[in-house]
Amino acid sequence: IGGLWYSPALFMNRWMAITGVDREQF
């Protein structure tokens, strides 16, 4: 569930935008 939740298909991009974390940091 966590893998799906934080996948680009679901909420990863929104989460990264809100937190200011980029893909490299992630």
mmCIF file of all heavy atoms, coordinates in Angstrom:
data_MODEL
# 
_entry.id   MODEL 
# 
loop_
_atom_site.group_PDB 
_atom_site.id 
_atom_site.type_symbol 
_atom_site.label_atom_id 
_atom_site.label_alt_id 
_atom_site.label_comp_id 
_atom_site.label_asym_id 
_atom_site.label_entity_id 
_atom_site.label_seq_id 
_atom_site.pdbx_PDB_ins_code 
_atom_site.Cartn_x 
_atom_site.Cartn_y 
_atom_site.Cartn_z 
_atom_site.occupancy 
_atom_site.B_iso_or_equiv 
_atom_site.pdbx_formal_charge 
_atom_site.auth_seq_id 
_atom_site.auth_comp_id 
_atom_site.auth_asym_id 
_atom_site.auth_atom_id 
_atom_site.pdbx_PDB_model_num 
ATOM 1   N N   . ILE A 1 1  ? 0.837  -1.209 0.000   1.00 0.00 ? 1  ILE A N   1 
ATOM 2   C CA  . ILE A 1 1  ? 0.000  0.000  0.000   1.00 0.00 ? 1  ILE A CA  1 
ATOM 3   C C   . ILE A 1 1  ? 0.869  1.256  0.000   1.00 0.00 ? 1  ILE A C   1 
ATOM 4   O O   . ILE A 1 1  ? 0.612  2.205  -0.742  1.00 0.00 ? 1  ILE A O   1 
ATOM 5   C CB  . ILE A 1 1  ? -0.983 -0.008 1.185   1.00 0.00 ? 1  ILE A CB  1 
ATOM 6   C CG1 . ILE A 1 1  ? -2.015 -1.115 0.979   1.00 0.00 ? 1  ILE A CG1 1 
ATOM 7   C CG2 . ILE A 1 1  ? -1.660 1.354  1.349   1.00 0.00 ? 1  ILE A CG2 1 
ATOM 8   C CD1 . ILE A 1 1  ? -2.900 -1.364 2.175   1.00 0.00 ? 1  ILE A CD1 1 
ATOM 9   N N   . GLY A 1 2  ? 1.914  1.264  0.826   1.00 0.00 ? 2  GLY A N   1 
ATOM 10  C CA  . GLY A 1 2  ? 2.829  2.412  0.860   1.00 0.00 ? 2  GLY A CA  1 
ATOM 11  C C   . GLY A 1 2  ? 3.525  2.621  -0.466  1.00 0.00 ? 2  GLY A C   1 
ATOM 12  O O   . GLY A 1 2  ? 3.698  3.759  -0.919  1.00 0.00 ? 2  GLY A O   1 
ATOM 13  N N   . GLY A 1 3  ? 3.921  1.535  -1.119  1.00 0.00 ? 3  GLY A N   1 
ATOM 14  C CA  . GLY A 1 3  ? 4.559  1.635  -2.425  1.00 0.00 ? 3  GLY A CA  1 
ATOM 15  C C   . GLY A 1 3  ? 3.630  2.233  -3.462  1.00 0.00 ? 3  GLY A C   1 
ATOM 16  O O   . GLY A 1 3  ? 4.040  3.066  -4.282  1.00 0.00 ? 3  GLY A O   1 
ATOM 17  N N   . LEU A 1 4  ? 2.381  1.817  -3.415  1.00 0.00 ? 4  LEU A N   1 
ATOM 18  C CA  . LEU A 1 4  ? 1.395  2.394  -4.335  1.00 0.00 ? 4  LEU A CA  1 
ATOM 19  C C   . LEU A 1 4  ? 1.115  3.848  -3.988  1.00 0.00 ? 4  LEU A C   1 
ATOM 20  O O   . LEU A 1 4  ? 1.038  4.712  -4.861  1.00 0.00 ? 4  LEU A O   1 
ATOM 21  C CB  . LEU A 1 4  ? 0.098  1.582  -4.294  1.00 0.00 ? 4  LEU A CB  1 
ATOM 22  C CG  . LEU A 1 4  ? 0.169  0.191  -4.908  1.00 0.00 ? 4  LEU A CG  1 
ATOM 23  C CD1 . LEU A 1 4  ? -1.114 -0.583 -4.616  1.00 0.00 ? 4  LEU A CD1 1 
ATOM 24  C CD2 . LEU A 1 4  ? 0.425  0.273  -6.400  1.00 0.00 ? 4  LEU A CD2 1 
ATOM 25  N N   . TRP A 1 5  ? 0.936  4.124  -2.700  1.00 0.00 ? 5  TRP A N   1 
ATOM 26  C CA  . TRP A 1 5  ? 0.598  5.464  -2.220  1.00 0.00 ? 5  TRP A CA  1 
ATOM 27  C C   . TRP A 1 5  ? 1.649  6.485  -2.658  1.00 0.00 ? 5  TRP A C   1 
ATOM 28  O O   . TRP A 1 5  ? 1.333  7.565  -3.122  1.00 0.00 ? 5  TRP A O   1 
ATOM 29  C CB  . TRP A 1 5  ? 0.490  5.434  -0.701  1.00 0.00 ? 5  TRP A CB  1 
ATOM 30  C CG  . TRP A 1 5  ? -0.110 6.664  -0.109  1.00 0.00 ? 5  TRP A CG  1 
ATOM 31  C CD1 . TRP A 1 5  ? 0.555  7.762  0.360   1.00 0.00 ? 5  TRP A CD1 1 
ATOM 32  C CD2 . TRP A 1 5  ? -1.499 6.929  0.078   1.00 0.00 ? 5  TRP A CD2 1 
ATOM 33  N NE1 . TRP A 1 5  ? -0.333 8.690  0.843   1.00 0.00 ? 5  TRP A NE1 1 
ATOM 34  C CE2 . TRP A 1 5  ? -1.606 8.198  0.680   1.00 0.00 ? 5  TRP A CE2 1 
ATOM 35  C CE3 . TRP A 1 5  ? -2.661 6.213  -0.184  1.00 0.00 ? 5  TRP A CE3 1 
ATOM 36  C CZ2 . TRP A 1 5  ? -2.819 8.768  1.020   1.00 0.00 ? 5  TRP A CZ2 1 
ATOM 37  C CZ3 . TRP A 1 5  ? -3.865 6.785  0.157   1.00 0.00 ? 5  TRP A CZ3 1 
ATOM 38  C CH2 . TRP A 1 5  ? -3.940 8.042  0.743   1.00 0.00 ? 5  TRP A CH2 1 
ATOM 39  N N   . TYR A 1 6  ? 2.920  6.129  -2.477  1.00 0.00 ? 6  TYR A N   1 
ATOM 40  C CA  . TYR A 1 6  ? 4.010  7.044  -2.820  1.00 0.00 ? 6  TYR A CA  1 
ATOM 41  C C   . TYR A 1 6  ? 4.559  6.799  -4.222  1.00 0.00 ? 6  TYR A C   1 
ATOM 42  O O   . TYR A 1 6  ? 5.695  7.162  -4.518  1.00 0.00 ? 6  TYR A O   1 
ATOM 43  C CB  . TYR A 1 6  ? 5.129  6.959  -1.780  1.00 0.00 ? 6  TYR A CB  1 
ATOM 44  C CG  . TYR A 1 6  ? 4.739  7.618  -0.490  1.00 0.00 ? 6  TYR A CG  1 
ATOM 45  C CD1 . TYR A 1 6  ? 4.384  6.873  0.618   1.00 0.00 ? 6  TYR A CD1 1 
ATOM 46  C CD2 . TYR A 1 6  ? 4.700  9.005  -0.396  1.00 0.00 ? 6  TYR A CD2 1 
ATOM 47  C CE1 . TYR A 1 6  ? 4.008  7.483  1.800   1.00 0.00 ? 6  TYR A CE1 1 
ATOM 48  C CE2 . TYR A 1 6  ? 4.322  9.631  0.784   1.00 0.00 ? 6  TYR A CE2 1 
ATOM 49  C CZ  . TYR A 1 6  ? 3.983  8.854  1.868   1.00 0.00 ? 6  TYR A CZ  1 
ATOM 50  O OH  . TYR A 1 6  ? 3.615  9.473  3.033   1.00 0.00 ? 6  TYR A OH  1 
ATOM 51  N N   . SER A 1 7  ? 3.763  6.201  -5.083  1.00 0.00 ? 7  SER A N   1 
ATOM 52  C CA  . SER A 1 7  ? 4.178  5.994  -6.471  1.00 0.00 ? 7  SER A CA  1 
ATOM 53  C C   . SER A 1 7  ? 3.804  7.227  -7.293  1.00 0.00 ? 7  SER A C   1 
ATOM 54  O O   . SER A 1 7  ? 2.911  7.988  -6.922  1.00 0.00 ? 7  SER A O   1 
ATOM 55  C CB  . SER A 1 7  ? 3.488  4.755  -7.048  1.00 0.00 ? 7  SER A CB  1 
ATOM 56  O OG  . SER A 1 7  ? 2.112  5.019  -7.271  1.00 0.00 ? 7  SER A OG  1 
ATOM 57  N N   . PRO A 1 8  ? 4.485  7.405  -8.433  1.00 0.00 ? 8  PRO A N   1 
ATOM 58  C CA  . PRO A 1 8  ? 4.111  8.518  -9.311  1.00 0.00 ? 8  PRO A CA  1 
ATOM 59  C C   . PRO A 1 8  ? 2.663  8.416  -9.803  1.00 0.00 ? 8  PRO A C   1 
ATOM 60  O O   . PRO A 1 8  ? 2.042  9.440  -10.096 1.00 0.00 ? 8  PRO A O   1 
ATOM 61  C CB  . PRO A 1 8  ? 5.097  8.399  -10.473 1.00 0.00 ? 8  PRO A CB  1 
ATOM 62  C CG  . PRO A 1 8  ? 6.260  7.658  -9.908  1.00 0.00 ? 8  PRO A CG  1 
ATOM 63  C CD  . PRO A 1 8  ? 5.684  6.722  -8.881  1.00 0.00 ? 8  PRO A CD  1 
ATOM 64  N N   . ALA A 1 9  ? 2.129  7.211  -9.843  1.00 0.00 ? 9  ALA A N   1 
ATOM 65  C CA  . ALA A 1 9  ? 0.747  7.034  -10.303 1.00 0.00 ? 9  ALA A CA  1 
ATOM 66  C C   . ALA A 1 9  ? -0.265 7.618  -9.315  1.00 0.00 ? 9  ALA A C   1 
ATOM 67  O O   . ALA A 1 9  ? -1.357 8.012  -9.725  1.00 0.00 ? 9  ALA A O   1 
ATOM 68  C CB  . ALA A 1 9  ? 0.455  5.557  -10.520 1.00 0.00 ? 9  ALA A CB  1 
ATOM 69  N N   . LEU A 1 10 ? 0.086  7.685  -8.034  1.00 0.00 ? 10 LEU A N   1 
ATOM 70  C CA  . LEU A 1 10 ? -0.860 8.216  -7.057  1.00 0.00 ? 10 LEU A CA  1 
ATOM 71  C C   . LEU A 1 10 ? -0.384 9.555  -6.499  1.00 0.00 ? 10 LEU A C   1 
ATOM 72  O O   . LEU A 1 10 ? -0.650 10.591 -7.077  1.00 0.00 ? 10 LEU A O   1 
ATOM 73  C CB  . LEU A 1 10 ? -1.114 7.200  -5.931  1.00 0.00 ? 10 LEU A CB  1 
ATOM 74  C CG  . LEU A 1 10 ? -1.947 5.983  -6.329  1.00 0.00 ? 10 LEU A CG  1 
ATOM 75  C CD1 . LEU A 1 10 ? -2.137 5.042  -5.149  1.00 0.00 ? 10 LEU A CD1 1 
ATOM 76  C CD2 . LEU A 1 10 ? -3.289 6.401  -6.880  1.00 0.00 ? 10 LEU A CD2 1 
ATOM 77  N N   . PHE A 1 11 ? 0.319  9.564  -5.367  1.00 0.00 ? 11 PHE A N   1 
ATOM 78  C CA  . PHE A 1 11 ? 0.557  10.818 -4.655  1.00 0.00 ? 11 PHE A CA  1 
ATOM 79  C C   . PHE A 1 11 ? 2.006  11.272 -4.553  1.00 0.00 ? 11 PHE A C   1 
ATOM 80  O O   . PHE A 1 11 ? 2.289  12.269 -3.898  1.00 0.00 ? 11 PHE A O   1 
ATOM 81  C CB  . PHE A 1 11 ? -0.027 10.711 -3.239  1.00 0.00 ? 11 PHE A CB  1 
ATOM 82  C CG  . PHE A 1 11 ? -1.496 10.413 -3.233  1.00 0.00 ? 11 PHE A CG  1 
ATOM 83  C CD1 . PHE A 1 11 ? -1.964 9.198  -2.775  1.00 0.00 ? 11 PHE A CD1 1 
ATOM 84  C CD2 . PHE A 1 11 ? -2.406 11.334 -3.715  1.00 0.00 ? 11 PHE A CD2 1 
ATOM 85  C CE1 . PHE A 1 11 ? -3.325 8.912  -2.764  1.00 0.00 ? 11 PHE A CE1 1 
ATOM 86  C CE2 . PHE A 1 11 ? -3.768 11.062 -3.721  1.00 0.00 ? 11 PHE A CE2 1 
ATOM 87  C CZ  . PHE A 1 11 ? -4.223 9.846  -3.246  1.00 0.00 ? 11 PHE A CZ  1 
ATOM 88  N N   . MET A 1 12 ? 2.931  10.571 -5.171  1.00 0.00 ? 12 MET A N   1 
ATOM 89  C CA  . MET A 1 12 ? 4.340  10.930 -5.028  1.00 0.00 ? 12 MET A CA  1 
ATOM 90  C C   . MET A 1 12 ? 4.612  12.363 -5.484  1.00 0.00 ? 12 MET A C   1 
ATOM 91  O O   . MET A 1 12 ? 5.256  13.133 -4.769  1.00 0.00 ? 12 MET A O   1 
ATOM 92  C CB  . MET A 1 12 ? 5.240  9.976  -5.793  1.00 0.00 ? 12 MET A CB  1 
ATOM 93  C CG  . MET A 1 12 ? 6.708  10.340 -5.722  1.00 0.00 ? 12 MET A CG  1 
ATOM 94  S SD  . MET A 1 12 ? 7.693  9.236  -6.725  1.00 0.00 ? 12 MET A SD  1 
ATOM 95  C CE  . MET A 1 12 ? 9.129  9.117  -5.699  1.00 0.00 ? 12 MET A CE  1 
ATOM 96  N N   . ASN A 1 13 ? 4.140  12.715 -6.653  1.00 0.00 ? 13 ASN A N   1 
ATOM 97  C CA  . ASN A 1 13 ? 4.432  14.056 -7.186  1.00 0.00 ? 13 ASN A CA  1 
ATOM 98  C C   . ASN A 1 13 ? 3.801  15.147 -6.329  1.00 0.00 ? 13 ASN A C   1 
ATOM 99  O O   . ASN A 1 13 ? 4.434  16.177 -6.065  1.00 0.00 ? 13 ASN A O   1 
ATOM 100 C CB  . ASN A 1 13 ? 3.966  14.146 -8.641  1.00 0.00 ? 13 ASN A CB  1 
ATOM 101 C CG  . ASN A 1 13 ? 4.746  13.197 -9.528  1.00 0.00 ? 13 ASN A CG  1 
ATOM 102 O OD1 . ASN A 1 13 ? 5.919  12.934 -9.285  1.00 0.00 ? 13 ASN A OD1 1 
ATOM 103 N ND2 . ASN A 1 13 ? 4.098  12.663 -10.541 1.00 0.00 ? 13 ASN A ND2 1 
ATOM 104 N N   . ARG A 1 14 ? 2.572  14.921 -5.876  1.00 0.00 ? 14 ARG A N   1 
ATOM 105 C CA  . ARG A 1 14 ? 1.931  15.910 -4.988  1.00 0.00 ? 14 ARG A CA  1 
ATOM 106 C C   . ARG A 1 14 ? 2.677  16.019 -3.673  1.00 0.00 ? 14 ARG A C   1 
ATOM 107 O O   . ARG A 1 14 ? 2.886  17.105 -3.148  1.00 0.00 ? 14 ARG A O   1 
ATOM 108 C CB  . ARG A 1 14 ? 0.478  15.520 -4.727  1.00 0.00 ? 14 ARG A CB  1 
ATOM 109 C CG  . ARG A 1 14 ? -0.408 15.762 -5.901  1.00 0.00 ? 14 ARG A CG  1 
ATOM 110 C CD  . ARG A 1 14 ? -1.846 15.524 -5.511  1.00 0.00 ? 14 ARG A CD  1 
ATOM 111 N NE  . ARG A 1 14 ? -2.468 14.777 -6.584  1.00 0.00 ? 14 ARG A NE  1 
ATOM 112 C CZ  . ARG A 1 14 ? -3.602 14.147 -6.504  1.00 0.00 ? 14 ARG A CZ  1 
ATOM 113 N NH1 . ARG A 1 14 ? -4.285 14.141 -5.392  1.00 0.00 ? 14 ARG A NH1 1 
ATOM 114 N NH2 . ARG A 1 14 ? -4.093 13.505 -7.530  1.00 0.00 ? 14 ARG A NH2 1 
ATOM 115 N N   . TRP A 1 15 ? 3.064  14.860 -3.105  1.00 0.00 ? 15 TRP A N   1 
ATOM 116 C CA  . TRP A 1 15 ? 3.788  14.848 -1.834  1.00 0.00 ? 15 TRP A CA  1 
ATOM 117 C C   . TRP A 1 15 ? 5.115  15.585 -1.981  1.00 0.00 ? 15 TRP A C   1 
ATOM 118 O O   . TRP A 1 15 ? 5.482  16.393 -1.121  1.00 0.00 ? 15 TRP A O   1 
ATOM 119 C CB  . TRP A 1 15 ? 4.003  13.407 -1.376  1.00 0.00 ? 15 TRP A CB  1 
ATOM 120 C CG  . TRP A 1 15 ? 4.814  13.312 -0.129  1.00 0.00 ? 15 TRP A CG  1 
ATOM 121 C CD1 . TRP A 1 15 ? 4.370  13.433 1.150   1.00 0.00 ? 15 TRP A CD1 1 
ATOM 122 C CD2 . TRP A 1 15 ? 6.221  13.074 -0.048  1.00 0.00 ? 15 TRP A CD2 1 
ATOM 123 N NE1 . TRP A 1 15 ? 5.425  13.286 2.031   1.00 0.00 ? 15 TRP A NE1 1 
ATOM 124 C CE2 . TRP A 1 15 ? 6.564  13.070 1.312   1.00 0.00 ? 15 TRP A CE2 1 
ATOM 125 C CE3 . TRP A 1 15 ? 7.226  12.864 -0.982  1.00 0.00 ? 15 TRP A CE3 1 
ATOM 126 C CZ2 . TRP A 1 15 ? 7.861  12.853 1.753   1.00 0.00 ? 15 TRP A CZ2 1 
ATOM 127 C CZ3 . TRP A 1 15 ? 8.521  12.661 -0.552  1.00 0.00 ? 15 TRP A CZ3 1 
ATOM 128 C CH2 . TRP A 1 15 ? 8.820  12.661 0.807   1.00 0.00 ? 15 TRP A CH2 1 
ATOM 129 N N   . MET A 1 16 ? 5.843  15.331 -3.066  1.00 0.00 ? 16 MET A N   1 
ATOM 130 C CA  . MET A 1 16 ? 7.129  16.003 -3.275  1.00 0.00 ? 16 MET A CA  1 
ATOM 131 C C   . MET A 1 16 ? 6.937  17.508 -3.434  1.00 0.00 ? 16 MET A C   1 
ATOM 132 O O   . MET A 1 16 ? 7.738  18.289 -2.926  1.00 0.00 ? 16 MET A O   1 
ATOM 133 C CB  . MET A 1 16 ? 7.868  15.409 -4.481  1.00 0.00 ? 16 MET A CB  1 
ATOM 134 C CG  . MET A 1 16 ? 8.394  14.019 -4.197  1.00 0.00 ? 16 MET A CG  1 
ATOM 135 S SD  . MET A 1 16 ? 9.582  13.335 -5.393  1.00 0.00 ? 16 MET A SD  1 
ATOM 136 C CE  . MET A 1 16 ? 8.855  13.677 -6.944  1.00 0.00 ? 16 MET A CE  1 
ATOM 137 N N   . ALA A 1 17 ? 5.873  17.927 -4.108  1.00 0.00 ? 17 ALA A N   1 
ATOM 138 C CA  . ALA A 1 17 ? 5.616  19.361 -4.273  1.00 0.00 ? 17 ALA A CA  1 
ATOM 139 C C   . ALA A 1 17 ? 5.310  20.021 -2.937  1.00 0.00 ? 17 ALA A C   1 
ATOM 140 O O   . ALA A 1 17 ? 5.798  21.116 -2.651  1.00 0.00 ? 17 ALA A O   1 
ATOM 141 C CB  . ALA A 1 17 ? 4.454  19.567 -5.253  1.00 0.00 ? 17 ALA A CB  1 
ATOM 142 N N   . ILE A 1 18 ? 4.514  19.357 -2.094  1.00 0.00 ? 18 ILE A N   1 
ATOM 143 C CA  . ILE A 1 18 ? 4.145  19.927 -0.791  1.00 0.00 ? 18 ILE A CA  1 
ATOM 144 C C   . ILE A 1 18 ? 5.344  19.994 0.143   1.00 0.00 ? 18 ILE A C   1 
ATOM 145 O O   . ILE A 1 18 ? 5.547  20.972 0.846   1.00 0.00 ? 18 ILE A O   1 
ATOM 146 C CB  . ILE A 1 18 ? 3.006  19.119 -0.136  1.00 0.00 ? 18 ILE A CB  1 
ATOM 147 C CG1 . ILE A 1 18 ? 1.718  19.267 -0.940  1.00 0.00 ? 18 ILE A CG1 1 
ATOM 148 C CG2 . ILE A 1 18 ? 2.779  19.548 1.305   1.00 0.00 ? 18 ILE A CG2 1 
ATOM 149 C CD1 . ILE A 1 18 ? 0.627  18.302 -0.508  1.00 0.00 ? 18 ILE A CD1 1 
ATOM 150 N N   . THR A 1 19 ? 6.165  18.930 0.148   1.00 0.00 ? 19 THR A N   1 
ATOM 151 C CA  . THR A 1 19 ? 7.280  18.859 1.087   1.00 0.00 ? 19 THR A CA  1 
ATOM 152 C C   . THR A 1 19 ? 8.536  19.559 0.595   1.00 0.00 ? 19 THR A C   1 
ATOM 153 O O   . THR A 1 19 ? 9.432  19.859 1.383   1.00 0.00 ? 19 THR A O   1 
ATOM 154 C CB  . THR A 1 19 ? 7.645  17.394 1.402   1.00 0.00 ? 19 THR A CB  1 
ATOM 155 O OG1 . THR A 1 19 ? 8.029  16.739 0.186   1.00 0.00 ? 19 THR A OG1 1 
ATOM 156 C CG2 . THR A 1 19 ? 6.496  16.664 2.062   1.00 0.00 ? 19 THR A CG2 1 
ATOM 157 N N   . GLY A 1 20 ? 8.619  19.784 -0.703  1.00 0.00 ? 20 GLY A N   1 
ATOM 158 C CA  . GLY A 1 20 ? 9.826  20.384 -1.253  1.00 0.00 ? 20 GLY A CA  1 
ATOM 159 C C   . GLY A 1 20 ? 10.948 19.376 -1.447  1.00 0.00 ? 20 GLY A C   1 
ATOM 160 O O   . GLY A 1 20 ? 12.090 19.751 -1.699  1.00 0.00 ? 20 GLY A O   1 
ATOM 161 N N   . VAL A 1 21 ? 10.633 18.098 -1.348  1.00 0.00 ? 21 VAL A N   1 
ATOM 162 C CA  . VAL A 1 21 ? 11.619 17.036 -1.559  1.00 0.00 ? 21 VAL A CA  1 
ATOM 163 C C   . VAL A 1 21 ? 11.644 16.718 -3.051  1.00 0.00 ? 21 VAL A C   1 
ATOM 164 O O   . VAL A 1 21 ? 10.602 16.517 -3.668  1.00 0.00 ? 21 VAL A O   1 
ATOM 165 C CB  . VAL A 1 21 ? 11.242 15.774 -0.753  1.00 0.00 ? 21 VAL A CB  1 
ATOM 166 C CG1 . VAL A 1 21 ? 12.151 14.606 -1.098  1.00 0.00 ? 21 VAL A CG1 1 
ATOM 167 C CG2 . VAL A 1 21 ? 11.283 16.064 0.735   1.00 0.00 ? 21 VAL A CG2 1 
ATOM 168 N N   . ASP A 1 22 ? 12.854 16.692 -3.630  1.00 0.00 ? 22 ASP A N   1 
ATOM 169 C CA  . ASP A 1 22 ? 12.944 16.325 -5.044  1.00 0.00 ? 22 ASP A CA  1 
ATOM 170 C C   . ASP A 1 22 ? 13.244 14.833 -5.172  1.00 0.00 ? 22 ASP A C   1 
ATOM 171 O O   . ASP A 1 22 ? 13.517 14.147 -4.194  1.00 0.00 ? 22 ASP A O   1 
ATOM 172 C CB  . ASP A 1 22 ? 13.966 17.179 -5.787  1.00 0.00 ? 22 ASP A CB  1 
ATOM 173 C CG  . ASP A 1 22 ? 15.398 16.995 -5.291  1.00 0.00 ? 22 ASP A CG  1 
ATOM 174 O OD1 . ASP A 1 22 ? 15.717 15.936 -4.701  1.00 0.00 ? 22 ASP A OD1 1 
ATOM 175 O OD2 . ASP A 1 22 ? 16.211 17.911 -5.495  1.00 0.00 ? 22 ASP A OD2 1 
ATOM 176 N N   . ARG A 1 23 ? 13.179 14.347 -6.393  1.00 0.00 ? 23 ARG A N   1 
ATOM 177 C CA  . ARG A 1 23 ? 13.353 12.901 -6.633  1.00 0.00 ? 23 ARG A CA  1 
ATOM 178 C C   . ARG A 1 23 ? 14.720 12.420 -6.162  1.00 0.00 ? 23 ARG A C   1 
ATOM 179 O O   . ARG A 1 23 ? 14.830 11.329 -5.609  1.00 0.00 ? 23 ARG A O   1 
ATOM 180 C CB  . ARG A 1 23 ? 13.148 12.609 -8.120  1.00 0.00 ? 23 ARG A CB  1 
ATOM 181 C CG  . ARG A 1 23 ? 13.369 11.178 -8.480  1.00 0.00 ? 23 ARG A CG  1 
ATOM 182 C CD  . ARG A 1 23 ? 12.244 10.368 -8.872  1.00 0.00 ? 23 ARG A CD  1 
ATOM 183 N NE  . ARG A 1 23 ? 11.091 11.062 -9.379  1.00 0.00 ? 23 ARG A NE  1 
ATOM 184 C CZ  . ARG A 1 23 ? 9.981  10.433 -9.650  1.00 0.00 ? 23 ARG A CZ  1 
ATOM 185 N NH1 . ARG A 1 23 ? 9.915  9.142  -9.475  1.00 0.00 ? 23 ARG A NH1 1 
ATOM 186 N NH2 . ARG A 1 23 ? 8.938  11.069 -10.082 1.00 0.00 ? 23 ARG A NH2 1 
ATOM 187 N N   . GLU A 1 24 ? 15.756 13.212 -6.356  1.00 0.00 ? 24 GLU A N   1 
ATOM 188 C CA  . GLU A 1 24 ? 17.105 12.819 -5.929  1.00 0.00 ? 24 GLU A CA  1 
ATOM 189 C C   . GLU A 1 24 ? 17.171 12.660 -4.403  1.00 0.00 ? 24 GLU A C   1 
ATOM 190 O O   . GLU A 1 24 ? 17.735 11.693 -3.902  1.00 0.00 ? 24 GLU A O   1 
ATOM 191 C CB  . GLU A 1 24 ? 18.126 13.857 -6.402  1.00 0.00 ? 24 GLU A CB  1 
ATOM 192 C CG  . GLU A 1 24 ? 19.553 13.469 -6.119  1.00 0.00 ? 24 GLU A CG  1 
ATOM 193 C CD  . GLU A 1 24 ? 20.534 14.498 -6.656  1.00 0.00 ? 24 GLU A CD  1 
ATOM 194 O OE1 . GLU A 1 24 ? 20.369 14.927 -7.818  1.00 0.00 ? 24 GLU A OE1 1 
ATOM 195 O OE2 . GLU A 1 24 ? 21.455 14.872 -5.893  1.00 0.00 ? 24 GLU A OE2 1 
ATOM 196 N N   . GLN A 1 25 ? 16.601 13.618 -3.673  1.00 0.00 ? 25 GLN A N   1 
ATOM 197 C CA  . GLN A 1 25 ? 16.569 13.515 -2.208  1.00 0.00 ? 25 GLN A CA  1 
ATOM 198 C C   . GLN A 1 25 ? 15.759 12.291 -1.790  1.00 0.00 ? 25 GLN A C   1 
ATOM 199 O O   . GLN A 1 25 ? 16.149 11.567 -0.872  1.00 0.00 ? 25 GLN A O   1 
ATOM 200 C CB  . GLN A 1 25 ? 15.928 14.753 -1.592  1.00 0.00 ? 25 GLN A CB  1 
ATOM 201 C CG  . GLN A 1 25 ? 16.746 16.004 -1.686  1.00 0.00 ? 25 GLN A CG  1 
ATOM 202 C CD  . GLN A 1 25 ? 15.927 17.205 -1.220  1.00 0.00 ? 25 GLN A CD  1 
ATOM 203 O OE1 . GLN A 1 25 ? 14.830 17.446 -1.721  1.00 0.00 ? 25 GLN A OE1 1 
ATOM 204 N NE2 . GLN A 1 25 ? 16.471 17.938 -0.270  1.00 0.00 ? 25 GLN A NE2 1 
ATOM 205 N N   . PHE A 1 26 ? 14.618 12.091 -2.442  1.00 0.00 ? 26 PHE A N   1 
ATOM 206 C CA  . PHE A 1 26 ? 13.753 10.955 -2.115  1.00 0.00 ? 26 PHE A CA  1 
ATOM 207 C C   . PHE A 1 26 ? 14.515 9.651  -2.284  1.00 0.00 ? 26 PHE A C   1 
ATOM 208 O O   . PHE A 1 26 ? 14.522 8.809  -1.386  1.00 0.00 ? 26 PHE A O   1 
ATOM 209 C CB  . PHE A 1 26 ? 12.515 10.975 -3.009  1.00 0.00 ? 26 PHE A CB  1 
ATOM 210 C CG  . PHE A 1 26 ? 11.560 9.853  -2.734  1.00 0.00 ? 26 PHE A CG  1 
ATOM 211 C CD1 . PHE A 1 26 ? 10.633 9.948  -1.707  1.00 0.00 ? 26 PHE A CD1 1 
ATOM 212 C CD2 . PHE A 1 26 ? 11.580 8.698  -3.504  1.00 0.00 ? 26 PHE A CD2 1 
ATOM 213 C CE1 . PHE A 1 26 ? 9.746  8.913  -1.450  1.00 0.00 ? 26 PHE A CE1 1 
ATOM 214 C CE2 . PHE A 1 26 ? 10.701 7.653  -3.251  1.00 0.00 ? 26 PHE A CE2 1 
ATOM 215 C CZ  . PHE A 1 26 ? 9.778  7.767  -2.212  1.00 0.00 ? 26 PHE A CZ  1 
# 
